[in-house]
């Protein structure tokens, strides 16, 4: 179990995959949030709009995996995808 708190990852060079910053905020059992900021030439993005449901997964080097599904986006057009997790 992850103790309550906030963990931040930063990579100014955004290597190898465009990830500049990742913030994991731990909560109680089964409750956490992850925010990611990515950009640059190393970031591979799908063509928008996306076809729901969209599943996002993040896997750490230690094998720990987090995921969320987004079925009803509030914005889903050629420039942006925005949604709350199911």
PDB file of N, CA and C in Angstrom:
ATOM      1  N   UNK A   1       0.845  -1.176   0.000  1.00  0.00           N
ATOM      2  CA  UNK A   1       0.000   0.000   0.000  1.00  0.00           C
ATOM      3  C   UNK A   1       0.891   1.240   0.000  1.00  0.00           C
ATOM      4  N   UNK A   2       0.499   2.229  -0.797  1.00  0.00           N
ATOM      5  CA  UNK A   2       1.226   3.498  -0.860  1.00  0.00           C
ATOM      6  C   UNK A   2       0.763   4.371   0.298  1.00  0.00           C
ATOM      7  N   UNK A   3       1.676   4.926   1.079  1.00  0.00           N
ATOM      8  CA  UNK A   3       1.253   5.815   2.162  1.00  0.00           C
ATOM      9  C   UNK A   3       0.610   7.077   1.603  1.00  0.00           C
ATOM     10  N   UNK A   4      -0.237   7.711   2.426  1.00  0.00           N
ATOM     11  CA  UNK A   4      -0.875   8.951   1.989  1.00  0.00           C
ATOM     12  C   UNK A   4       0.190   9.985   1.664  1.00  0.00           C
ATOM     13  N   UNK A   5       0.001  10.716   0.588  1.00  0.00           N
ATOM     14  CA  UNK A   5       0.961  11.743   0.223  1.00  0.00           C
ATOM     15  C   UNK A   5       0.943  12.026  -1.257  1.00  0.00           C
ATOM     16  N   UNK A   6       1.934  12.795  -1.687  1.00  0.00           N
ATOM     17  CA  UNK A   6       2.048  13.194  -3.082  1.00  0.00           C
ATOM     18  C   UNK A   6       3.453  12.874  -3.566  1.00  0.00           C
ATOM     19  N   UNK A   7       3.531  12.301  -4.741  1.00  0.00           N
ATOM     20  CA  UNK A   7       4.804  11.937  -5.344  1.00  0.00           C
ATOM     21  C   UNK A   7       4.887  12.601  -6.706  1.00  0.00           C
ATOM     22  N   UNK A   8       6.026  13.218  -7.006  1.00  0.00           N
ATOM     23  CA  UNK A   8       6.191  13.945  -8.259  1.00  0.00           C
ATOM     24  C   UNK A   8       7.405  13.427  -9.011  1.00  0.00           C
ATOM     25  N   UNK A   9       7.234  13.235 -10.326  1.00  0.00           N
ATOM     26  CA  UNK A   9       8.313  12.861 -11.234  1.00  0.00           C
ATOM     27  C   UNK A   9       8.482  14.019 -12.208  1.00  0.00           C
ATOM     28  N   UNK A  10       9.733  14.415 -12.446  1.00  0.00           N
ATOM     29  CA  UNK A  10      10.017  15.493 -13.400  1.00  0.00           C
ATOM     30  C   UNK A  10      11.149  15.067 -14.331  1.00  0.00           C
ATOM     31  N   UNK A  11      11.017  15.425 -15.607  1.00  0.00           N
ATOM     32  CA  UNK A  11      12.056  15.164 -16.596  1.00  0.00           C
ATOM     33  C   UNK A  11      12.041  16.309 -17.603  1.00  0.00           C
ATOM     34  N   UNK A  12      12.929  17.275 -17.424  1.00  0.00           N
ATOM     35  CA  UNK A  12      12.987  18.440 -18.303  1.00  0.00           C
ATOM     36  C   UNK A  12      13.296  18.106 -19.748  1.00  0.00           C
ATOM     37  N   UNK A  13      13.979  16.977 -19.993  1.00  0.00           N
ATOM     38  CA  UNK A  13      14.308  16.572 -21.365  1.00  0.00           C
ATOM     39  C   UNK A  13      13.169  15.801 -22.030  1.00  0.00           C
ATOM     40  N   UNK A  14      12.203  15.386 -21.224  1.00  0.00           N
ATOM     41  CA  UNK A  14      11.029  14.655 -21.720  1.00  0.00           C
ATOM     42  C   UNK A  14      11.411  13.390 -22.488  1.00  0.00           C
ATOM     43  N   UNK A  15      12.369  12.649 -21.948  1.00  0.00           N
ATOM     44  CA  UNK A  15      12.791  11.409 -22.598  1.00  0.00           C
ATOM     45  C   UNK A  15      12.360  10.216 -21.753  1.00  0.00           C
ATOM     46  N   UNK A  16      12.056   9.102 -22.291  1.00  0.00           N
ATOM     47  CA  UNK A  16      12.059   8.794 -23.726  1.00  0.00           C
ATOM     48  C   UNK A  16      10.720   9.008 -24.407  1.00  0.00           C
ATOM     49  N   UNK A  17       9.673   9.410 -23.667  1.00  0.00           N
ATOM     50  CA  UNK A  17       8.324   9.369 -24.228  1.00  0.00           C
ATOM     51  C   UNK A  17       7.541  10.673 -24.138  1.00  0.00           C
ATOM     52  N   UNK A  18       8.210  11.795 -23.904  1.00  0.00           N
ATOM     53  CA  UNK A  18       7.524  13.078 -23.867  1.00  0.00           C
ATOM     54  C   UNK A  18       6.974  13.482 -22.511  1.00  0.00           C
ATOM     55  N   UNK A  19       7.130  12.630 -21.506  1.00  0.00           N
ATOM     56  CA  UNK A  19       6.586  12.923 -20.183  1.00  0.00           C
ATOM     57  C   UNK A  19       7.471  13.932 -19.463  1.00  0.00           C
ATOM     58  N   UNK A  20       6.906  15.098 -19.144  1.00  0.00           N
ATOM     59  CA  UNK A  20       7.648  16.154 -18.457  1.00  0.00           C
ATOM     60  C   UNK A  20       7.425  16.098 -16.951  1.00  0.00           C
ATOM     61  N   UNK A  21       6.181  15.818 -16.549  1.00  0.00           N
ATOM     62  CA  UNK A  21       5.859  15.819 -15.123  1.00  0.00           C
ATOM     63  C   UNK A  21       4.703  14.863 -14.876  1.00  0.00           C
ATOM     64  N   UNK A  22       4.799  14.157 -13.760  1.00  0.00           N
ATOM     65  CA  UNK A  22       3.748  13.241 -13.343  1.00  0.00           C
ATOM     66  C   UNK A  22       3.560  13.418 -11.850  1.00  0.00           C
ATOM     67  N   UNK A  23       2.324  13.606 -11.423  1.00  0.00           N
ATOM     68  CA  UNK A  23       2.034  13.776 -10.002  1.00  0.00           C
ATOM     69  C   UNK A  23       1.038  12.703  -9.584  1.00  0.00           C
ATOM     70  N   UNK A  24       1.440  11.877  -8.640  1.00  0.00           N
ATOM     71  CA  UNK A  24       0.575  10.854  -8.058  1.00  0.00           C
ATOM     72  C   UNK A  24       0.185  11.328  -6.672  1.00  0.00           C
ATOM     73  N   UNK A  25      -1.114  11.477  -6.460  1.00  0.00           N
ATOM     74  CA  UNK A  25      -1.619  11.858  -5.150  1.00  0.00           C
ATOM     75  C   UNK A  25      -2.349  10.653  -4.580  1.00  0.00           C
ATOM     76  N   UNK A  26      -1.776  10.081  -3.537  1.00  0.00           N
ATOM     77  CA  UNK A  26      -2.348   8.883  -2.932  1.00  0.00           C
ATOM     78  C   UNK A  26      -3.449   9.261  -1.959  1.00  0.00           C
ATOM     79  N   UNK A  27      -4.442   8.400  -1.882  1.00  0.00           N
ATOM     80  CA  UNK A  27      -5.539   8.597  -0.945  1.00  0.00           C
ATOM     81  C   UNK A  27      -5.717   7.342  -0.123  1.00  0.00           C
ATOM     82  N   UNK A  28      -6.935   7.092   0.275  1.00  0.00           N
ATOM     83  CA  UNK A  28      -7.245   5.883   1.022  1.00  0.00           C
ATOM     84  C   UNK A  28      -7.205   4.667   0.112  1.00  0.00           C
ATOM     85  N   UNK A  29      -7.611   3.532   0.627  1.00  0.00           N
ATOM     86  CA  UNK A  29      -7.589   2.284  -0.135  1.00  0.00           C
ATOM     87  C   UNK A  29      -8.367   2.439  -1.443  1.00  0.00           C
ATOM     88  N   UNK A  30      -7.703   2.173  -2.560  1.00  0.00           N
ATOM     89  CA  UNK A  30      -8.330   2.245  -3.866  1.00  0.00           C
ATOM     90  C   UNK A  30      -8.603   3.646  -4.371  1.00  0.00           C
ATOM     91  N   UNK A  31      -8.043   4.651  -3.738  1.00  0.00           N
ATOM     92  CA  UNK A  31      -8.310   6.036  -4.114  1.00  0.00           C
ATOM     93  C   UNK A  31      -7.000   6.768  -4.360  1.00  0.00           C
ATOM     94  N   UNK A  32      -6.785   7.199  -5.599  1.00  0.00           N
ATOM     95  CA  UNK A  32      -5.586   7.955  -5.957  1.00  0.00           C
ATOM     96  C   UNK A  32      -5.897   8.751  -7.212  1.00  0.00           C
ATOM     97  N   UNK A  33      -5.081   9.761  -7.486  1.00  0.00           N
ATOM     98  CA  UNK A  33      -5.212  10.487  -8.743  1.00  0.00           C
ATOM     99  C   UNK A  33      -3.828  10.671  -9.343  1.00  0.00           C
ATOM    100  N   UNK A  34      -3.797  10.696 -10.661  1.00  0.00           N
ATOM    101  CA  UNK A  34      -2.550  10.881 -11.389  1.00  0.00           C
ATOM    102  C   UNK A  34      -2.770  11.978 -12.416  1.00  0.00           C
ATOM    103  N   UNK A  35      -1.874  12.950 -12.444  1.00  0.00           N
ATOM    104  CA  UNK A  35      -1.911  14.016 -13.445  1.00  0.00           C
ATOM    105  C   UNK A  35      -0.591  13.990 -14.197  1.00  0.00           C
ATOM    106  N   UNK A  36      -0.663  14.054 -15.524  1.00  0.00           N
ATOM    107  CA  UNK A  36       0.537  13.998 -16.348  1.00  0.00           C
ATOM    108  C   UNK A  36       0.588  15.196 -17.281  1.00  0.00           C
ATOM    109  N   UNK A  37       1.795  15.715 -17.484  1.00  0.00           N
ATOM    110  CA  UNK A  37       2.037  16.782 -18.447  1.00  0.00           C
ATOM    111  C   UNK A  37       3.077  16.258 -19.424  1.00  0.00           C
ATOM    112  N   UNK A  38       2.698  16.196 -20.691  1.00  0.00           N
ATOM    113  CA  UNK A  38       3.571  15.661 -21.730  1.00  0.00           C
ATOM    114  C   UNK A  38       3.529  16.573 -22.939  1.00  0.00           C
ATOM    115  N   UNK A  39       4.652  16.630 -23.667  1.00  0.00           N
ATOM    116  CA  UNK A  39       4.699  17.401 -24.907  1.00  0.00           C
ATOM    117  C   UNK A  39       6.009  17.108 -25.615  1.00  0.00           C
ATOM    118  N   UNK A  40       6.162  17.673 -26.782  1.00  0.00           N
ATOM    119  CA  UNK A  40       7.417  17.570 -27.510  1.00  0.00           C
ATOM    120  C   UNK A  40       7.431  16.472 -28.557  1.00  0.00           C
ATOM    121  N   UNK A  41       8.571  16.349 -29.222  1.00  0.00           N
ATOM    122  CA  UNK A  41       8.704  15.423 -30.346  1.00  0.00           C
ATOM    123  C   UNK A  41       8.657  13.958 -29.925  1.00  0.00           C
ATOM    124  N   UNK A  42       8.935  13.649 -28.671  1.00  0.00           N
ATOM    125  CA  UNK A  42       8.923  12.261 -28.212  1.00  0.00           C
ATOM    126  C   UNK A  42       7.531  11.756 -27.851  1.00  0.00           C
ATOM    127  N   UNK A  43       6.561  12.650 -27.804  1.00  0.00           N
ATOM    128  CA  UNK A  43       5.202  12.277 -27.417  1.00  0.00           C
ATOM    129  C   UNK A  43       4.435  11.768 -28.633  1.00  0.00           C
ATOM    130  N   UNK A  44       4.006  10.524 -28.558  1.00  0.00           N
ATOM    131  CA  UNK A  44       3.195   9.937 -29.629  1.00  0.00           C
ATOM    132  C   UNK A  44       1.730  10.009 -29.203  1.00  0.00           C
ATOM    133  N   UNK A  45       0.932  10.680 -30.000  1.00  0.00           N
ATOM    134  CA  UNK A  45      -0.483  10.863 -29.687  1.00  0.00           C
ATOM    135  C   UNK A  45      -1.352  10.221 -30.761  1.00  0.00           C
ATOM    136  N   UNK A  46      -2.511   9.685 -30.347  1.00  0.00           N
ATOM    137  CA  UNK A  46      -3.446   9.162 -31.340  1.00  0.00           C
ATOM    138  C   UNK A  46      -4.143  10.316 -32.063  1.00  0.00           C
ATOM    139  N   UNK A  47      -4.725  10.010 -33.196  1.00  0.00           N
ATOM    140  CA  UNK A  47      -5.487  11.004 -33.944  1.00  0.00           C
ATOM    141  C   UNK A  47      -6.817  11.217 -33.229  1.00  0.00           C
ATOM    142  N   UNK A  48      -7.163  12.484 -33.009  1.00  0.00           N
ATOM    143  CA  UNK A  48      -8.433  12.837 -32.375  1.00  0.00           C
ATOM    144  C   UNK A  48      -9.486  13.085 -33.442  1.00  0.00           C
ATOM    145  N   UNK A  49     -10.772  12.878 -33.142  1.00  0.00           N
ATOM    146  CA  UNK A  49     -11.359  12.459 -31.881  1.00  0.00           C
ATOM    147  C   UNK A  49     -11.155  10.967 -31.628  1.00  0.00           C
ATOM    148  N   UNK A  50     -11.271  10.578 -30.359  1.00  0.00           N
ATOM    149  CA  UNK A  50     -11.129   9.187 -29.946  1.00  0.00           C
ATOM    150  C   UNK A  50     -12.500   8.517 -29.878  1.00  0.00           C
ATOM    151  N   UNK A  51     -12.510   7.198 -30.001  1.00  0.00           N
ATOM    152  CA  UNK A  51     -13.749   6.440 -29.899  1.00  0.00           C
ATOM    153  C   UNK A  51     -13.889   5.898 -28.485  1.00  0.00           C
ATOM    154  N   UNK A  52     -14.862   6.392 -27.716  1.00  0.00           N
ATOM    155  CA  UNK A  52     -15.052   5.903 -26.346  1.00  0.00           C
ATOM    156  C   UNK A  52     -15.537   4.450 -26.350  1.00  0.00           C
ATOM    157  N   UNK A  53     -15.295   3.718 -25.290  1.00  0.00           N
ATOM    158  CA  UNK A  53     -14.577   4.145 -24.090  1.00  0.00           C
ATOM    159  C   UNK A  53     -13.073   4.181 -24.331  1.00  0.00           C
ATOM    160  N   UNK A  54     -12.394   5.118 -23.694  1.00  0.00           N
ATOM    161  CA  UNK A  54     -10.945   5.263 -23.774  1.00  0.00           C
ATOM    162  C   UNK A  54     -10.353   4.746 -22.464  1.00  0.00           C
ATOM    163  N   UNK A  55      -9.379   3.852 -22.568  1.00  0.00           N
ATOM    164  CA  UNK A  55      -8.697   3.321 -21.389  1.00  0.00           C
ATOM    165  C   UNK A  55      -7.284   3.870 -21.358  1.00  0.00           C
ATOM    166  N   UNK A  56      -6.894   4.436 -20.230  1.00  0.00           N
ATOM    167  CA  UNK A  56      -5.552   4.980 -20.034  1.00  0.00           C
ATOM    168  C   UNK A  56      -4.859   4.131 -18.984  1.00  0.00           C
ATOM    169  N   UNK A  57      -3.637   3.701 -19.284  1.00  0.00           N
ATOM    170  CA  UNK A  57      -2.865   2.897 -18.339  1.00  0.00           C
ATOM    171  C   UNK A  57      -1.472   3.484 -18.181  1.00  0.00           C
ATOM    172  N   UNK A  58      -0.966   3.391 -16.979  1.00  0.00           N
ATOM    173  CA  UNK A  58       0.375   3.861 -16.649  1.00  0.00           C
ATOM    174  C   UNK A  58       1.059   2.755 -15.869  1.00  0.00           C
ATOM    175  N   UNK A  59       2.242   2.351 -16.318  1.00  0.00           N
ATOM    176  CA  UNK A  59       2.965   1.284 -15.638  1.00  0.00           C
ATOM    177  C   UNK A  59       4.330   1.787 -15.199  1.00  0.00           C
ATOM    178  N   UNK A  60       4.635   1.594 -13.924  1.00  0.00           N
ATOM    179  CA  UNK A  60       5.918   1.987 -13.367  1.00  0.00           C
ATOM    180  C   UNK A  60       6.992   0.959 -13.670  1.00  0.00           C
ATOM    181  N   UNK A  61       8.242   1.343 -13.494  1.00  0.00           N
ATOM    182  CA  UNK A  61       9.369   0.443 -13.728  1.00  0.00           C
ATOM    183  C   UNK A  61       9.318  -0.783 -12.824  1.00  0.00           C
ATOM    184  N   UNK A  62       8.644  -0.667 -11.680  1.00  0.00           N
ATOM    185  CA  UNK A  62       8.542  -1.790 -10.745  1.00  0.00           C
ATOM    186  C   UNK A  62       7.374  -2.713 -11.074  1.00  0.00           C
ATOM    187  N   UNK A  63       6.647  -2.429 -12.163  1.00  0.00           N
ATOM    188  CA  UNK A  63       5.528  -3.258 -12.567  1.00  0.00           C
ATOM    189  C   UNK A  63       4.181  -2.791 -12.042  1.00  0.00           C
ATOM    190  N   UNK A  64       4.177  -1.847 -11.105  1.00  0.00           N
ATOM    191  CA  UNK A  64       2.915  -1.309 -10.577  1.00  0.00           C
ATOM    192  C   UNK A  64       2.137  -0.669 -11.725  1.00  0.00           C
ATOM    193  N   UNK A  65       0.843  -0.929 -11.783  1.00  0.00           N
ATOM    194  CA  UNK A  65       0.032  -0.426 -12.884  1.00  0.00           C
ATOM    195  C   UNK A  65      -1.179   0.327 -12.356  1.00  0.00           C
ATOM    196  N   UNK A  66      -1.492   1.454 -13.004  1.00  0.00           N
ATOM    197  CA  UNK A  66      -2.684   2.236 -12.706  1.00  0.00           C
ATOM    198  C   UNK A  66      -3.456   2.382 -14.008  1.00  0.00           C
ATOM    199  N   UNK A  67      -4.760   2.439 -13.905  1.00  0.00           N
ATOM    200  CA  UNK A  67      -5.561   2.592 -15.112  1.00  0.00           C
ATOM    201  C   UNK A  67      -6.898   3.231 -14.819  1.00  0.00           C
ATOM    202  N   UNK A  68      -7.507   3.771 -15.860  1.00  0.00           N
ATOM    203  CA  UNK A  68      -8.830   4.378 -15.749  1.00  0.00           C
ATOM    204  C   UNK A  68      -9.518   4.287 -17.103  1.00  0.00           C
ATOM    205  N   UNK A  69     -10.841   4.237 -17.063  1.00  0.00           N
ATOM    206  CA  UNK A  69     -11.646   4.199 -18.278  1.00  0.00           C
ATOM    207  C   UNK A  69     -12.513   5.449 -18.337  1.00  0.00           C
ATOM    208  N   UNK A  70     -12.610   6.014 -19.529  1.00  0.00           N
ATOM    209  CA  UNK A  70     -13.371   7.239 -19.771  1.00  0.00           C
ATOM    210  C   UNK A  70     -14.409   6.945 -20.851  1.00  0.00           C
ATOM    211  N   UNK A  71     -15.675   6.863 -20.459  1.00  0.00           N
ATOM    212  CA  UNK A  71     -16.737   6.471 -21.392  1.00  0.00           C
ATOM    213  C   UNK A  71     -17.553   7.627 -21.941  1.00  0.00           C
ATOM    214  N   UNK A  72     -17.626   8.736 -21.219  1.00  0.00           N
ATOM    215  CA  UNK A  72     -18.492   9.847 -21.622  1.00  0.00           C
ATOM    216  C   UNK A  72     -17.719  11.166 -21.589  1.00  0.00           C
ATOM    217  N   UNK A  73     -16.879  11.418 -22.609  1.00  0.00           N
ATOM    218  CA  UNK A  73     -16.092  12.656 -22.601  1.00  0.00           C
ATOM    219  C   UNK A  73     -16.973  13.897 -22.705  1.00  0.00           C
ATOM    220  N   UNK A  74     -16.542  14.961 -22.026  1.00  0.00           N
ATOM    221  CA  UNK A  74     -17.245  16.241 -22.141  1.00  0.00           C
ATOM    222  C   UNK A  74     -16.788  16.999 -23.384  1.00  0.00           C
ATOM    223  N   UNK A  75     -15.558  16.736 -23.837  1.00  0.00           N
ATOM    224  CA  UNK A  75     -15.027  17.293 -25.084  1.00  0.00           C
ATOM    225  C   UNK A  75     -14.306  16.168 -25.808  1.00  0.00           C
ATOM    226  N   UNK A  76     -14.612  15.990 -27.088  1.00  0.00           N
ATOM    227  CA  UNK A  76     -13.956  14.961 -27.894  1.00  0.00           C
ATOM    228  C   UNK A  76     -14.021  15.412 -29.346  1.00  0.00           C
ATOM    229  N   UNK A  77     -13.055  16.257 -29.723  1.00  0.00           N
ATOM    230  CA  UNK A  77     -13.029  16.771 -31.085  1.00  0.00           C
ATOM    231  C   UNK A  77     -11.616  16.643 -31.644  1.00  0.00           C
ATOM    232  N   UNK A  78     -11.338  17.277 -32.762  1.00  0.00           N
ATOM    233  CA  UNK A  78     -10.034  17.129 -33.408  1.00  0.00           C
ATOM    234  C   UNK A  78      -8.897  17.803 -32.664  1.00  0.00           C
ATOM    235  N   UNK A  79      -9.207  18.608 -31.632  1.00  0.00           N
ATOM    236  CA  UNK A  79      -8.165  19.310 -30.898  1.00  0.00           C
ATOM    237  C   UNK A  79      -8.022  18.936 -29.444  1.00  0.00           C
ATOM    238  N   UNK A  80      -9.022  18.232 -28.876  1.00  0.00           N
ATOM    239  CA  UNK A  80      -8.972  17.996 -27.434  1.00  0.00           C
ATOM    240  C   UNK A  80      -9.866  16.822 -27.038  1.00  0.00           C
ATOM    241  N   UNK A  81      -9.397  16.076 -26.033  1.00  0.00           N
ATOM    242  CA  UNK A  81     -10.205  15.044 -25.381  1.00  0.00           C
ATOM    243  C   UNK A  81     -10.195  15.357 -23.901  1.00  0.00           C
ATOM    244  N   UNK A  82     -11.382  15.517 -23.313  1.00  0.00           N
ATOM    245  CA  UNK A  82     -11.484  15.831 -21.891  1.00  0.00           C
ATOM    246  C   UNK A  82     -12.610  14.996 -21.306  1.00  0.00           C
ATOM    247  N   UNK A  83     -12.316  14.314 -20.174  1.00  0.00           N
ATOM    248  CA  UNK A  83     -13.328  13.448 -19.572  1.00  0.00           C
ATOM    249  C   UNK A  83     -13.010  13.195 -18.111  1.00  0.00           C
ATOM    250  N   UNK A  84     -14.016  12.762 -17.392  1.00  0.00           N
ATOM    251  CA  UNK A  84     -13.862  12.298 -16.015  1.00  0.00           C
ATOM    252  C   UNK A  84     -13.902  10.777 -16.047  1.00  0.00           C
ATOM    253  N   UNK A  85     -13.121  10.148 -15.181  1.00  0.00           N
ATOM    254  CA  UNK A  85     -13.099   8.695 -15.141  1.00  0.00           C
ATOM    255  C   UNK A  85     -14.456   8.136 -14.735  1.00  0.00           C
ATOM    256  N   UNK A  86     -14.746   6.938 -15.220  1.00  0.00           N
ATOM    257  CA  UNK A  86     -16.018   6.269 -14.886  1.00  0.00           C
ATOM    258  C   UNK A  86     -16.128   5.995 -13.406  1.00  0.00           C
TER     259      UNK A  86
END
